[in-house]
């Protein structure tokens, strides 16, 4: 049975992991016969957003690992403890937590930094020859860490975000929500998910294709 790590960045689209994407990913992996496990960094969230009003809660503080554990039903690992030999593949779920907690993309644009623990894990898994999946806004992480290898990625049809990806050396391929882009040479799979999806079914179709392609790339 193939083991796949699913990386979360909190709980909630505006300040953490996109919950629908996370659940659809876990469902697709289980349906495909793979064993999924969740992980997240033990760091503070950059900000906390009221998901009803969309406003920042200035006096509220949350931990990314603790919030991610809500999605994982408490069964979650610290990102810093993960090693490539523990997994056959790795998937990063989207949501603004990627752009705020795992990186500084939301505030710094094309010149953004990636959290060192996240960077080290992506590099280690790639060096080990194991496939990586990125959905929604998460491909910006791959572009920052592996862009020098001219990896092929998608975030959908958003030209502004695509330009920022290309500024880091990666190649961007436009893609609809219900599809995925597969870079077989670099073992990278990406899908736009809610960067493009208007419905849960559209997001599910693309995530299913990402998971299917990722598992086929596992050795």
Protein backbone atom coordinates (compact mmCIF):
# COMPACT_ATOMS: atom_id res chain seq x y z
CA UNK A 1 0.00 0.00 0.00
CA UNK A 2 1.37 3.38 -1.03
CA UNK A 3 1.74 5.96 1.73
CA UNK A 4 1.11 9.60 0.90
CA UNK A 5 1.65 12.60 3.18
CA UNK A 6 -0.99 15.34 2.92
CA UNK A 7 0.36 18.70 4.05
CA UNK A 8 -2.03 21.17 5.66
CA UNK A 9 -1.55 24.84 6.58
CA UNK A 10 -4.30 25.42 9.14
CA UNK A 11 -8.07 25.05 8.94
CA UNK A 12 -10.11 27.32 6.69
CA UNK A 13 -9.66 28.76 3.21
CA UNK A 14 -8.85 32.35 4.24
CA UNK A 15 -6.11 31.67 6.79
CA UNK A 16 -5.30 27.96 6.53
CA UNK A 17 -5.91 24.86 4.43
CA UNK A 18 -8.92 24.75 2.09
CA UNK A 19 -11.11 22.20 3.87
CA UNK A 20 -12.96 20.91 0.80
CA UNK A 21 -9.65 20.32 -1.00
CA UNK A 22 -8.21 18.54 2.03
CA UNK A 23 -11.19 16.20 2.42
CA UNK A 24 -11.39 15.49 -1.32
CA UNK A 25 -7.68 14.64 -1.35
CA UNK A 26 -7.98 12.26 1.59
CA UNK A 27 -11.05 10.66 0.01
CA UNK A 28 -9.36 10.22 -3.36
CA UNK A 29 -6.31 8.62 -1.78
CA UNK A 30 -8.39 6.20 0.29
CA UNK A 31 -10.57 5.33 -2.70
CA UNK A 32 -7.41 4.57 -4.69
CA UNK A 33 -6.17 2.18 -2.01
CA UNK A 34 -3.42 4.43 -0.67
CA UNK A 35 -2.71 5.19 2.99
CA UNK A 36 -2.84 8.91 3.68
CA UNK A 37 -1.51 10.73 6.71
CA UNK A 38 -1.59 14.42 7.52
CA UNK A 39 1.18 16.75 8.63
CA UNK A 40 1.57 20.46 9.31
CA UNK A 41 4.23 22.80 10.72
CA UNK A 42 4.15 23.69 14.41
CA UNK A 43 4.14 27.46 13.84
CA UNK A 44 1.87 30.42 14.55
CA UNK A 45 -0.63 31.51 11.92
CA UNK A 46 0.25 34.83 10.29
CA UNK A 47 -3.32 36.03 10.89
CA UNK A 48 -6.73 34.75 11.91
CA UNK A 49 -9.73 35.45 9.67
CA UNK A 50 -13.40 35.39 10.66
CA UNK A 51 -14.74 33.18 7.87
CA UNK A 52 -18.25 34.63 8.12
CA UNK A 53 -17.33 38.30 7.84
CA UNK A 54 -13.97 37.93 6.08
CA UNK A 55 -12.32 40.29 8.56
CA UNK A 56 -9.03 39.79 10.39
CA UNK A 57 -9.25 39.08 14.13
CA UNK A 58 -6.43 41.28 15.40
CA UNK A 59 -6.35 39.92 18.96
CA UNK A 60 -6.75 36.21 18.14
CA UNK A 61 -3.82 33.85 17.74
CA UNK A 62 -3.80 30.26 16.46
CA UNK A 63 -1.27 27.50 15.81
CA UNK A 64 -1.07 25.93 12.35
CA UNK A 65 -0.50 22.39 13.64
CA UNK A 66 -3.35 22.62 16.15
CA UNK A 67 -5.75 24.04 13.57
CA UNK A 68 -4.75 21.44 10.97
CA UNK A 69 -5.48 18.72 13.51
CA UNK A 70 -9.16 19.69 13.24
CA UNK A 71 -9.18 18.40 9.64
CA UNK A 72 -7.04 15.37 10.49
CA UNK A 73 -9.33 14.42 13.40
CA UNK A 74 -6.34 14.77 15.72
CA UNK A 75 -4.15 12.28 13.87
CA UNK A 76 -1.40 14.54 12.57
CA UNK A 77 2.40 14.73 12.47
CA UNK A 78 4.74 17.67 12.81
CA UNK A 79 6.14 18.65 9.43
CA UNK A 80 9.67 18.94 10.83
CA UNK A 81 9.64 15.26 11.76
CA UNK A 82 8.78 13.93 8.29
CA UNK A 83 11.41 12.02 6.33
CA UNK A 84 11.21 10.96 2.65
CA UNK A 85 11.52 7.26 3.56
CA UNK A 86 8.19 7.50 5.43
CA UNK A 87 6.22 8.18 2.25
CA UNK A 88 5.82 7.23 -1.37
CA UNK A 89 4.45 10.64 -2.32
CA UNK A 90 3.58 14.07 -0.95
CA UNK A 91 0.61 16.39 -1.57
CA UNK A 92 0.21 20.03 -0.58
CA UNK A 93 -3.40 21.17 -0.16
CA UNK A 94 -4.28 24.75 -1.13
CA UNK A 95 -5.87 27.60 0.80
CA UNK A 96 -4.49 30.98 1.89
CA UNK A 97 -2.51 29.19 4.61
CA UNK A 98 -0.05 28.25 1.85
CA UNK A 99 0.41 31.92 0.95
CA UNK A 100 0.41 33.19 4.54
CA UNK A 101 1.76 30.42 6.80
CA UNK A 102 3.91 28.17 4.59
CA UNK A 103 5.28 31.11 2.63
CA UNK A 104 5.12 34.90 2.38
CA UNK A 105 3.48 34.86 -1.06
CA UNK A 106 0.41 36.78 0.11
CA UNK A 107 2.48 39.72 1.33
CA UNK A 108 5.60 39.62 -0.85
CA UNK A 109 4.38 38.49 -4.27
CA UNK A 110 7.02 37.17 -6.69
CA UNK A 111 9.84 37.83 -4.20
CA UNK A 112 8.26 35.60 -1.55
CA UNK A 113 10.10 33.23 0.78
CA UNK A 114 9.13 29.66 1.70
CA UNK A 115 9.27 28.46 5.31
CA UNK A 116 12.63 26.65 5.68
CA UNK A 117 11.02 23.46 7.00
CA UNK A 118 8.68 23.37 4.00
CA UNK A 119 11.54 24.09 1.60
CA UNK A 120 13.72 21.37 3.08
CA UNK A 121 10.95 18.78 2.86
CA UNK A 122 10.13 19.57 -0.78
CA UNK A 123 13.81 19.38 -1.70
CA UNK A 124 14.34 16.13 0.19
CA UNK A 125 11.31 14.37 -1.31
CA UNK A 126 12.23 15.54 -4.81
CA UNK A 127 15.86 14.44 -4.38
CA UNK A 128 14.60 11.05 -3.23
CA UNK A 129 12.82 10.68 -6.57
CA UNK A 130 9.32 10.63 -5.08
CA UNK A 131 6.36 12.46 -6.63
CA UNK A 132 4.89 15.69 -5.28
CA UNK A 133 1.40 17.09 -5.82
CA UNK A 134 0.37 20.73 -5.40
CA UNK A 135 -3.15 22.15 -5.77
CA UNK A 136 -4.81 25.56 -5.83
CA UNK A 137 -2.18 28.18 -4.82
CA UNK A 138 0.30 25.57 -3.49
CA UNK A 139 2.22 25.30 -6.83
CA UNK A 140 3.91 28.59 -5.87
CA UNK A 141 5.85 26.55 -3.28
CA UNK A 142 7.12 24.21 -5.97
CA UNK A 143 8.05 27.14 -8.19
CA UNK A 144 10.09 28.77 -5.43
CA UNK A 145 11.91 25.61 -4.39
CA UNK A 146 12.30 23.74 -7.70
CA UNK A 147 11.81 26.46 -10.31
CA UNK A 148 15.45 26.30 -11.40
CA UNK A 149 14.69 22.81 -12.77
CA UNK A 150 12.14 24.32 -15.18
CA UNK A 151 9.31 22.31 -13.68
CA UNK A 152 5.92 22.48 -15.40
CA UNK A 153 3.07 23.72 -13.18
CA UNK A 154 -0.44 25.11 -13.26
CA UNK A 155 -2.55 27.38 -11.07
CA UNK A 156 -5.28 27.59 -13.69
CA UNK A 157 -5.77 30.69 -15.86
CA UNK A 158 -4.76 33.53 -13.51
CA UNK A 159 -2.08 35.33 -15.53
CA UNK A 160 -0.88 37.47 -12.60
CA UNK A 161 -0.13 34.44 -10.41
CA UNK A 162 1.24 32.54 -13.40
CA UNK A 163 3.68 35.39 -14.06
CA UNK A 164 4.92 35.18 -10.47
CA UNK A 165 5.46 31.42 -10.91
CA UNK A 166 7.37 31.99 -14.14
CA UNK A 167 9.48 34.67 -12.43
CA UNK A 168 10.86 31.88 -10.22
CA UNK A 169 11.94 29.82 -13.25
CA UNK A 170 9.02 27.40 -13.52
CA UNK A 171 6.93 26.89 -16.66
CA UNK A 172 3.22 27.61 -16.33
CA UNK A 173 0.58 25.70 -18.30
CA UNK A 174 -3.02 26.98 -18.24
CA UNK A 175 -5.47 24.35 -16.99
CA UNK A 176 -9.16 24.00 -16.15
CA UNK A 177 -10.38 23.04 -12.69
CA UNK A 178 -11.34 19.52 -13.71
CA UNK A 179 -7.92 18.61 -15.08
CA UNK A 180 -4.29 18.39 -13.96
CA UNK A 181 -0.81 19.04 -15.34
CA UNK A 182 1.73 16.25 -15.02
CA UNK A 183 5.48 16.88 -15.24
CA UNK A 184 6.66 13.29 -15.51
CA UNK A 185 10.36 14.13 -15.72
CA UNK A 186 10.28 15.95 -12.38
CA UNK A 187 7.43 13.90 -10.88
CA UNK A 188 5.33 16.98 -10.16
CA UNK A 189 1.51 17.00 -10.49
CA UNK A 190 -0.62 20.14 -10.13
CA UNK A 191 -4.30 21.05 -10.43
CA UNK A 192 -6.05 24.44 -10.04
CA UNK A 193 -8.74 23.22 -7.61
CA UNK A 194 -10.45 26.32 -6.17
CA UNK A 195 -8.25 28.71 -8.12
CA UNK A 196 -10.71 27.84 -10.92
CA UNK A 197 -13.42 25.52 -9.55
CA UNK A 198 -16.93 26.90 -9.24
CA UNK A 199 -18.37 23.72 -7.75
CA UNK A 200 -17.28 20.90 -5.48
CA UNK A 201 -17.60 18.48 -8.41
CA UNK A 202 -15.18 20.49 -10.54
CA UNK A 203 -12.62 20.57 -7.73
CA UNK A 204 -13.09 16.85 -7.12
CA UNK A 205 -12.49 15.98 -10.78
CA UNK A 206 -9.13 17.77 -10.84
CA UNK A 207 -8.04 16.44 -7.45
CA UNK A 208 -8.93 12.90 -8.51
CA UNK A 209 -6.71 13.31 -11.57
CA UNK A 210 -3.88 14.69 -9.44
CA UNK A 211 -4.08 11.74 -7.04
CA UNK A 212 -4.30 9.21 -9.87
CA UNK A 213 -1.26 10.67 -11.64
CA UNK A 214 0.72 10.98 -8.39
CA UNK A 215 0.17 7.33 -7.46
CA UNK A 216 1.20 6.21 -10.95
CA UNK A 217 4.48 8.12 -10.49
CA UNK A 218 5.21 6.34 -7.20
CA UNK A 219 7.92 3.68 -7.56
